[in-house]
């Protein structure tokens, strides 16, 4: 039996997946990622990947939030990046903002990341849960992810 709470959080991740689709086609070649910030499981901010060289979904959502993240949860469809590419690492900002918990649908298969983002967040004592709505997110993101 699935609890009401687990259904509720999965629905929020599925909403993050729906939001991620708004990134297309501008985000290419980056994957379209969606992020939701909740407070007491109510959505207070959303974000999705902008054009290459601009903000990633997590950063857009944090910027749209307008409040401290200490009591907030983030729902993000793809593992936050842990490396500086065209933009700073999202993990750096998340560690600085210190959300109560981060739900991540799937790991990023990019070899520069691939679990490192989760590791850094956990090392900073941020609670991270992986796998929420993973099947739906993986199906959508499969064409955009580096499977090497």
N, C-alpha and C. Protein backbone atom coordinates (compact mmCIF):
# COMPACT_ATOMS: atom_id res chain seq x y z
N UNK A 1 0.85 -1.18 0.00
CA UNK A 1 0.00 0.00 0.00
C UNK A 1 0.89 1.25 0.00
N UNK A 2 0.57 2.21 -0.83
CA UNK A 2 1.33 3.45 -0.94
C UNK A 2 0.69 4.48 -0.03
N UNK A 3 1.51 5.13 0.78
CA UNK A 3 0.98 6.13 1.71
C UNK A 3 0.57 7.39 0.95
N UNK A 4 -0.30 8.17 1.59
CA UNK A 4 -0.73 9.43 0.99
C UNK A 4 0.47 10.35 0.80
N UNK A 5 1.40 10.34 1.77
CA UNK A 5 2.56 11.21 1.67
C UNK A 5 3.43 10.83 0.49
N UNK A 6 3.67 9.53 0.25
CA UNK A 6 4.51 9.14 -0.88
C UNK A 6 3.84 9.48 -2.20
N UNK A 7 2.52 9.37 -2.27
CA UNK A 7 1.81 9.77 -3.49
C UNK A 7 1.93 11.28 -3.69
N UNK A 8 1.82 12.02 -2.60
CA UNK A 8 1.89 13.48 -2.67
C UNK A 8 3.26 13.93 -3.19
N UNK A 9 4.33 13.34 -2.68
CA UNK A 9 5.65 13.77 -3.12
C UNK A 9 5.93 13.32 -4.55
N UNK A 10 5.40 12.17 -4.94
CA UNK A 10 5.58 11.74 -6.33
C UNK A 10 4.84 12.68 -7.28
N UNK A 11 3.68 13.14 -6.88
CA UNK A 11 2.92 14.09 -7.70
C UNK A 11 3.70 15.40 -7.88
N UNK A 12 4.39 15.82 -6.83
CA UNK A 12 5.19 17.04 -6.94
C UNK A 12 6.33 16.82 -7.94
N UNK A 13 6.98 15.66 -7.88
CA UNK A 13 8.06 15.38 -8.85
C UNK A 13 7.51 15.31 -10.27
N UNK A 14 6.33 14.75 -10.43
CA UNK A 14 5.73 14.71 -11.77
C UNK A 14 5.39 16.12 -12.26
N UNK A 15 5.06 17.01 -11.35
CA UNK A 15 4.86 18.42 -11.73
C UNK A 15 6.19 19.04 -12.15
N UNK A 16 7.27 18.68 -11.46
CA UNK A 16 8.60 19.16 -11.85
C UNK A 16 8.95 18.65 -13.25
N UNK A 17 8.56 17.42 -13.55
CA UNK A 17 8.77 16.87 -14.88
C UNK A 17 7.98 17.67 -15.92
N UNK A 18 6.75 18.00 -15.63
CA UNK A 18 5.94 18.80 -16.55
C UNK A 18 6.59 20.17 -16.78
N UNK A 19 7.10 20.78 -15.71
CA UNK A 19 7.76 22.08 -15.81
C UNK A 19 9.02 21.98 -16.67
N UNK A 20 9.73 20.86 -16.57
CA UNK A 20 10.98 20.68 -17.33
C UNK A 20 10.73 20.78 -18.83
N UNK A 21 9.57 20.39 -19.27
CA UNK A 21 9.25 20.41 -20.71
C UNK A 21 9.19 21.83 -21.26
N UNK A 22 9.01 22.82 -20.36
CA UNK A 22 8.99 24.22 -20.79
C UNK A 22 10.38 24.69 -21.24
N UNK A 23 11.41 23.94 -20.88
CA UNK A 23 12.78 24.31 -21.25
C UNK A 23 13.06 24.06 -22.73
N UNK A 24 12.26 23.21 -23.35
CA UNK A 24 12.49 22.86 -24.75
C UNK A 24 11.93 23.91 -25.69
N UNK A 25 12.58 24.16 -26.80
CA UNK A 25 13.86 23.61 -27.27
C UNK A 25 15.05 24.47 -26.86
N UNK A 26 14.82 25.56 -26.10
CA UNK A 26 15.88 26.54 -25.82
C UNK A 26 17.08 25.98 -25.07
N UNK A 27 16.88 24.96 -24.25
CA UNK A 27 17.95 24.48 -23.38
C UNK A 27 19.00 23.63 -24.09
N UNK A 28 18.69 23.13 -25.28
CA UNK A 28 19.62 22.22 -25.97
C UNK A 28 20.96 22.86 -26.19
N UNK A 29 22.06 22.16 -25.99
CA UNK A 29 22.19 20.71 -25.84
C UNK A 29 22.06 20.23 -24.39
N UNK A 30 21.80 21.13 -23.46
CA UNK A 30 21.60 20.71 -22.07
C UNK A 30 20.28 19.97 -21.93
N UNK A 31 20.18 19.08 -20.95
CA UNK A 31 18.91 18.39 -20.73
C UNK A 31 17.86 19.33 -20.13
N UNK A 32 16.60 19.15 -20.48
CA UNK A 32 15.53 19.96 -19.90
C UNK A 32 15.23 19.46 -18.49
N UNK A 33 15.53 20.27 -17.51
CA UNK A 33 15.35 19.89 -16.10
C UNK A 33 14.33 20.81 -15.48
N UNK A 34 13.53 20.25 -14.57
CA UNK A 34 12.56 21.03 -13.82
C UNK A 34 12.85 20.94 -12.34
N UNK A 35 12.51 22.01 -11.62
CA UNK A 35 12.72 22.05 -10.17
C UNK A 35 11.55 22.77 -9.51
N UNK A 36 11.15 22.24 -8.36
CA UNK A 36 10.09 22.85 -7.56
C UNK A 36 10.61 23.01 -6.14
N UNK A 37 10.32 24.15 -5.54
CA UNK A 37 10.61 24.39 -4.12
C UNK A 37 9.28 24.36 -3.39
N UNK A 38 9.23 23.58 -2.31
CA UNK A 38 8.01 23.53 -1.50
C UNK A 38 8.31 23.95 -0.06
N UNK A 39 7.29 24.48 0.57
CA UNK A 39 7.31 24.78 2.00
C UNK A 39 6.07 24.12 2.57
N UNK A 40 6.23 23.21 3.51
CA UNK A 40 5.11 22.42 4.03
C UNK A 40 4.34 21.73 2.90
N UNK A 41 5.10 21.27 1.92
CA UNK A 41 4.59 20.55 0.74
C UNK A 41 3.68 21.39 -0.15
N UNK A 42 3.75 22.69 0.00
CA UNK A 42 3.05 23.59 -0.92
C UNK A 42 4.09 24.23 -1.82
N UNK A 43 3.79 24.29 -3.10
CA UNK A 43 4.73 24.84 -4.08
C UNK A 43 4.84 26.35 -3.89
N UNK A 44 6.11 26.80 -3.70
CA UNK A 44 6.33 28.24 -3.56
C UNK A 44 7.19 28.81 -4.68
N UNK A 45 7.86 27.94 -5.44
CA UNK A 45 8.69 28.42 -6.55
C UNK A 45 8.96 27.27 -7.51
N UNK A 46 9.16 27.63 -8.78
CA UNK A 46 9.50 26.64 -9.80
C UNK A 46 10.61 27.20 -10.69
N UNK A 47 11.23 26.30 -11.42
CA UNK A 47 12.23 26.72 -12.39
C UNK A 47 12.52 25.62 -13.37
N UNK A 48 13.04 26.00 -14.52
CA UNK A 48 13.48 25.03 -15.52
C UNK A 48 14.72 25.57 -16.20
N UNK A 49 15.45 24.68 -16.85
CA UNK A 49 16.72 25.01 -17.48
C UNK A 49 16.55 26.11 -18.52
N UNK A 50 17.41 27.10 -18.43
CA UNK A 50 17.41 28.18 -19.41
C UNK A 50 18.38 27.83 -20.55
N UNK A 51 18.61 28.79 -21.44
CA UNK A 51 19.50 28.59 -22.57
C UNK A 51 20.91 28.25 -22.08
N UNK A 52 21.71 27.54 -22.92
CA UNK A 52 23.08 27.22 -22.52
C UNK A 52 23.83 28.48 -22.07
N UNK A 53 24.54 28.34 -20.95
CA UNK A 53 25.27 29.46 -20.38
C UNK A 53 24.47 30.27 -19.39
N UNK A 54 23.19 29.97 -19.30
CA UNK A 54 22.33 30.66 -18.33
C UNK A 54 21.99 29.71 -17.20
N UNK A 55 21.05 30.08 -16.36
CA UNK A 55 20.77 29.35 -15.13
C UNK A 55 20.16 27.96 -15.36
N UNK A 56 20.56 27.04 -14.47
CA UNK A 56 19.95 25.72 -14.44
C UNK A 56 18.66 25.79 -13.62
N UNK A 57 17.85 24.74 -13.71
CA UNK A 57 16.53 24.72 -13.09
C UNK A 57 16.56 25.03 -11.59
N UNK A 58 17.52 24.44 -10.88
CA UNK A 58 17.60 24.65 -9.43
C UNK A 58 17.84 26.11 -9.09
N UNK A 59 18.72 26.73 -9.85
CA UNK A 59 19.06 28.13 -9.58
C UNK A 59 17.87 29.05 -9.89
N UNK A 60 17.17 28.77 -10.98
CA UNK A 60 15.98 29.56 -11.32
C UNK A 60 14.95 29.43 -10.19
N UNK A 61 14.71 28.21 -9.73
CA UNK A 61 13.73 28.00 -8.66
C UNK A 61 14.14 28.72 -7.37
N UNK A 62 15.42 28.61 -7.01
CA UNK A 62 15.91 29.30 -5.81
C UNK A 62 15.75 30.81 -5.96
N UNK A 63 16.12 31.34 -7.13
CA UNK A 63 15.99 32.78 -7.37
C UNK A 63 14.53 33.22 -7.32
N UNK A 64 13.62 32.36 -7.75
CA UNK A 64 12.19 32.67 -7.75
C UNK A 64 11.55 32.51 -6.37
N UNK A 65 12.26 31.90 -5.45
CA UNK A 65 11.70 31.53 -4.15
C UNK A 65 11.43 32.72 -3.25
N UNK A 66 12.40 33.59 -3.08
CA UNK A 66 12.19 34.77 -2.25
C UNK A 66 12.15 34.50 -0.76
N UNK A 67 12.62 33.34 -0.33
CA UNK A 67 12.70 33.07 1.11
C UNK A 67 13.85 32.13 1.39
N UNK A 68 14.23 32.05 2.64
CA UNK A 68 15.28 31.15 3.09
C UNK A 68 14.84 29.71 2.82
N UNK A 69 15.77 28.86 2.41
CA UNK A 69 15.42 27.48 2.06
C UNK A 69 15.54 26.50 3.22
N UNK A 70 15.94 26.95 4.40
CA UNK A 70 16.17 26.03 5.51
C UNK A 70 14.99 25.11 5.82
N UNK A 71 13.78 25.58 5.67
CA UNK A 71 12.60 24.76 5.95
C UNK A 71 11.91 24.29 4.67
N UNK A 72 12.61 24.38 3.56
CA UNK A 72 12.02 24.03 2.27
C UNK A 72 12.58 22.71 1.73
N UNK A 73 11.83 22.12 0.84
CA UNK A 73 12.26 20.93 0.12
C UNK A 73 12.34 21.27 -1.36
N UNK A 74 13.33 20.69 -2.03
CA UNK A 74 13.46 20.86 -3.48
C UNK A 74 13.17 19.53 -4.16
N UNK A 75 12.49 19.60 -5.28
CA UNK A 75 12.21 18.45 -6.11
C UNK A 75 12.84 18.76 -7.46
N UNK A 76 13.85 17.98 -7.86
CA UNK A 76 14.55 18.25 -9.11
C UNK A 76 14.63 16.97 -9.93
N UNK A 77 14.36 17.09 -11.21
CA UNK A 77 14.25 15.90 -12.06
C UNK A 77 15.58 15.24 -12.36
N UNK A 78 16.69 15.98 -12.28
CA UNK A 78 18.01 15.43 -12.58
C UNK A 78 18.99 15.89 -11.51
N UNK A 79 19.90 15.00 -11.15
CA UNK A 79 20.92 15.31 -10.15
C UNK A 79 21.56 16.69 -10.40
N UNK A 80 21.63 17.52 -9.38
CA UNK A 80 22.28 18.83 -9.55
C UNK A 80 23.74 18.68 -9.96
N UNK A 81 24.19 19.57 -10.84
CA UNK A 81 25.57 19.48 -11.33
C UNK A 81 26.55 19.87 -10.25
N UNK A 82 27.71 19.23 -10.30
CA UNK A 82 28.75 19.44 -9.29
C UNK A 82 30.02 20.01 -9.89
N UNK A 83 29.95 20.47 -11.13
CA UNK A 83 31.14 20.96 -11.83
C UNK A 83 30.84 22.31 -12.45
N UNK A 84 31.88 23.10 -12.65
CA UNK A 84 31.75 24.40 -13.30
C UNK A 84 31.93 24.19 -14.78
N UNK A 85 30.87 24.40 -15.54
CA UNK A 85 30.92 24.33 -17.00
C UNK A 85 30.74 25.74 -17.54
N UNK A 86 29.62 25.98 -18.19
CA UNK A 86 29.28 27.35 -18.62
C UNK A 86 28.75 28.16 -17.44
N UNK A 87 28.30 27.44 -16.42
CA UNK A 87 27.75 28.07 -15.22
C UNK A 87 28.39 27.44 -13.98
N UNK A 88 28.32 28.12 -12.84
CA UNK A 88 28.84 27.51 -11.61
C UNK A 88 28.06 26.24 -11.25
N UNK A 89 28.66 25.41 -10.43
CA UNK A 89 28.01 24.17 -9.99
C UNK A 89 26.76 24.48 -9.16
N UNK A 90 25.67 23.83 -9.49
CA UNK A 90 24.43 24.00 -8.74
C UNK A 90 24.59 23.53 -7.30
N UNK A 91 25.41 22.49 -7.10
CA UNK A 91 25.61 21.98 -5.74
C UNK A 91 26.17 23.05 -4.82
N UNK A 92 27.04 23.93 -5.34
CA UNK A 92 27.60 24.99 -4.50
C UNK A 92 26.50 25.89 -3.95
N UNK A 93 25.59 26.27 -4.81
CA UNK A 93 24.48 27.16 -4.38
C UNK A 93 23.55 26.43 -3.42
N UNK A 94 23.27 25.16 -3.70
CA UNK A 94 22.39 24.39 -2.82
C UNK A 94 23.01 24.22 -1.43
N UNK A 95 24.30 23.96 -1.39
CA UNK A 95 24.99 23.82 -0.11
C UNK A 95 24.94 25.15 0.66
N UNK A 96 25.11 26.23 -0.04
CA UNK A 96 25.05 27.56 0.59
C UNK A 96 23.64 27.86 1.12
N UNK A 97 22.61 27.48 0.36
CA UNK A 97 21.21 27.77 0.72
C UNK A 97 20.65 26.80 1.76
N UNK A 98 21.19 25.60 1.85
CA UNK A 98 20.83 24.60 2.86
C UNK A 98 19.35 24.23 2.94
N UNK A 99 18.76 23.71 1.87
CA UNK A 99 17.37 23.25 1.98
C UNK A 99 17.26 22.08 2.95
N UNK A 100 16.08 21.90 3.49
CA UNK A 100 15.84 20.82 4.46
C UNK A 100 16.04 19.45 3.80
N UNK A 101 15.57 19.31 2.56
CA UNK A 101 15.67 18.03 1.86
C UNK A 101 15.61 18.28 0.36
N UNK A 102 16.31 17.42 -0.38
CA UNK A 102 16.26 17.49 -1.84
C UNK A 102 15.85 16.12 -2.37
N UNK A 103 14.79 16.10 -3.16
CA UNK A 103 14.36 14.90 -3.85
C UNK A 103 14.89 14.97 -5.28
N UNK A 104 15.60 13.95 -5.72
CA UNK A 104 16.17 13.89 -7.06
C UNK A 104 15.59 12.68 -7.76
N UNK A 105 15.03 12.87 -8.94
CA UNK A 105 14.44 11.74 -9.65
C UNK A 105 15.52 10.76 -10.12
N UNK A 106 16.51 11.25 -10.88
CA UNK A 106 17.54 10.35 -11.41
C UNK A 106 18.92 11.00 -11.33
N UNK A 107 19.94 10.14 -11.33
CA UNK A 107 21.32 10.60 -11.37
C UNK A 107 21.65 11.10 -12.77
N UNK A 108 22.58 12.02 -12.84
CA UNK A 108 23.08 12.54 -14.12
C UNK A 108 24.14 11.59 -14.64
N UNK A 109 23.98 11.09 -15.85
CA UNK A 109 24.93 10.15 -16.42
C UNK A 109 26.19 10.82 -16.97
N UNK A 110 26.23 12.15 -16.96
CA UNK A 110 27.43 12.86 -17.41
C UNK A 110 28.59 12.44 -16.51
N UNK A 111 29.69 11.94 -17.09
CA UNK A 111 30.79 11.45 -16.26
C UNK A 111 31.40 12.52 -15.34
N UNK A 112 31.20 13.79 -15.62
CA UNK A 112 31.69 14.85 -14.74
C UNK A 112 30.85 14.94 -13.46
N UNK A 113 29.70 14.33 -13.46
CA UNK A 113 28.78 14.40 -12.33
C UNK A 113 28.52 12.99 -11.80
N UNK A 114 27.55 12.30 -12.37
CA UNK A 114 27.25 10.89 -12.12
C UNK A 114 27.41 10.45 -10.66
N UNK A 115 26.63 11.05 -9.79
CA UNK A 115 26.63 10.72 -8.37
C UNK A 115 27.43 11.68 -7.52
N UNK A 116 28.33 12.43 -8.13
CA UNK A 116 29.16 13.37 -7.38
C UNK A 116 28.33 14.50 -6.76
N UNK A 117 27.31 14.97 -7.48
CA UNK A 117 26.45 16.01 -6.93
C UNK A 117 25.75 15.55 -5.66
N UNK A 118 25.23 14.32 -5.69
CA UNK A 118 24.56 13.75 -4.52
C UNK A 118 25.56 13.61 -3.37
N UNK A 119 26.76 13.11 -3.69
CA UNK A 119 27.80 12.92 -2.69
C UNK A 119 28.16 14.23 -1.99
N UNK A 120 28.33 15.30 -2.78
CA UNK A 120 28.68 16.60 -2.19
C UNK A 120 27.56 17.14 -1.30
N UNK A 121 26.33 16.98 -1.73
CA UNK A 121 25.20 17.44 -0.92
C UNK A 121 25.12 16.67 0.39
N UNK A 122 25.31 15.37 0.32
CA UNK A 122 25.26 14.55 1.55
C UNK A 122 26.44 14.86 2.46
N UNK A 123 27.61 15.12 1.89
CA UNK A 123 28.76 15.49 2.71
C UNK A 123 28.51 16.79 3.45
N UNK A 124 27.65 17.64 2.88
CA UNK A 124 27.29 18.91 3.52
C UNK A 124 26.09 18.73 4.47
N UNK A 125 25.75 17.46 4.75
CA UNK A 125 24.64 17.12 5.66
C UNK A 125 23.29 17.60 5.17
N UNK A 126 23.10 17.58 3.85
CA UNK A 126 21.79 17.85 3.26
C UNK A 126 21.16 16.50 2.95
N UNK A 127 19.94 16.33 3.40
CA UNK A 127 19.20 15.08 3.19
C UNK A 127 18.79 15.00 1.72
N UNK A 128 19.21 13.94 1.04
CA UNK A 128 18.89 13.75 -0.37
C UNK A 128 18.25 12.38 -0.56
N UNK A 129 17.13 12.37 -1.27
CA UNK A 129 16.45 11.12 -1.62
C UNK A 129 16.45 11.00 -3.15
N UNK A 130 16.85 9.84 -3.63
CA UNK A 130 16.94 9.60 -5.08
C UNK A 130 15.90 8.58 -5.51
N UNK A 131 15.32 8.79 -6.69
CA UNK A 131 14.47 7.77 -7.30
C UNK A 131 13.00 8.09 -7.37
N UNK A 132 12.59 9.25 -6.92
CA UNK A 132 11.18 9.62 -6.94
C UNK A 132 10.73 9.86 -8.38
N UNK A 133 9.73 9.12 -8.84
CA UNK A 133 9.20 9.21 -10.22
C UNK A 133 10.30 8.96 -11.25
N UNK A 134 11.26 8.13 -10.88
CA UNK A 134 12.43 7.89 -11.74
C UNK A 134 12.07 7.35 -13.12
N UNK A 135 11.14 6.44 -13.21
CA UNK A 135 10.80 5.84 -14.51
C UNK A 135 10.30 6.87 -15.51
N UNK A 136 9.39 7.72 -15.05
CA UNK A 136 8.82 8.74 -15.94
C UNK A 136 9.88 9.75 -16.35
N UNK A 137 10.72 10.17 -15.41
CA UNK A 137 11.76 11.16 -15.70
C UNK A 137 12.81 10.56 -16.64
N UNK A 138 13.23 9.33 -16.36
CA UNK A 138 14.25 8.69 -17.20
C UNK A 138 13.74 8.51 -18.63
N UNK A 139 12.49 8.14 -18.78
CA UNK A 139 11.91 7.98 -20.12
C UNK A 139 11.96 9.30 -20.89
N UNK A 140 11.61 10.39 -20.23
CA UNK A 140 11.62 11.70 -20.88
C UNK A 140 13.04 12.17 -21.18
N UNK A 141 13.95 12.01 -20.22
CA UNK A 141 15.30 12.55 -20.36
C UNK A 141 16.26 11.66 -21.16
N UNK A 142 15.91 10.42 -21.42
CA UNK A 142 16.81 9.49 -22.09
C UNK A 142 17.48 10.07 -23.35
N UNK A 143 16.76 10.75 -24.23
CA UNK A 143 17.43 11.28 -25.43
C UNK A 143 18.44 12.40 -25.15
N UNK A 144 18.38 12.97 -23.96
CA UNK A 144 19.22 14.13 -23.65
C UNK A 144 20.44 13.78 -22.81
N UNK A 145 20.48 12.56 -22.28
CA UNK A 145 21.53 12.20 -21.34
C UNK A 145 22.67 11.46 -22.01
N UNK A 146 23.86 11.67 -21.47
CA UNK A 146 25.08 11.03 -21.95
C UNK A 146 25.13 9.63 -21.36
N UNK A 147 24.96 8.62 -22.17
CA UNK A 147 24.93 7.24 -21.69
C UNK A 147 26.26 6.52 -21.92
N UNK A 148 27.36 7.26 -22.01
CA UNK A 148 28.66 6.62 -22.25
C UNK A 148 29.28 6.13 -20.97
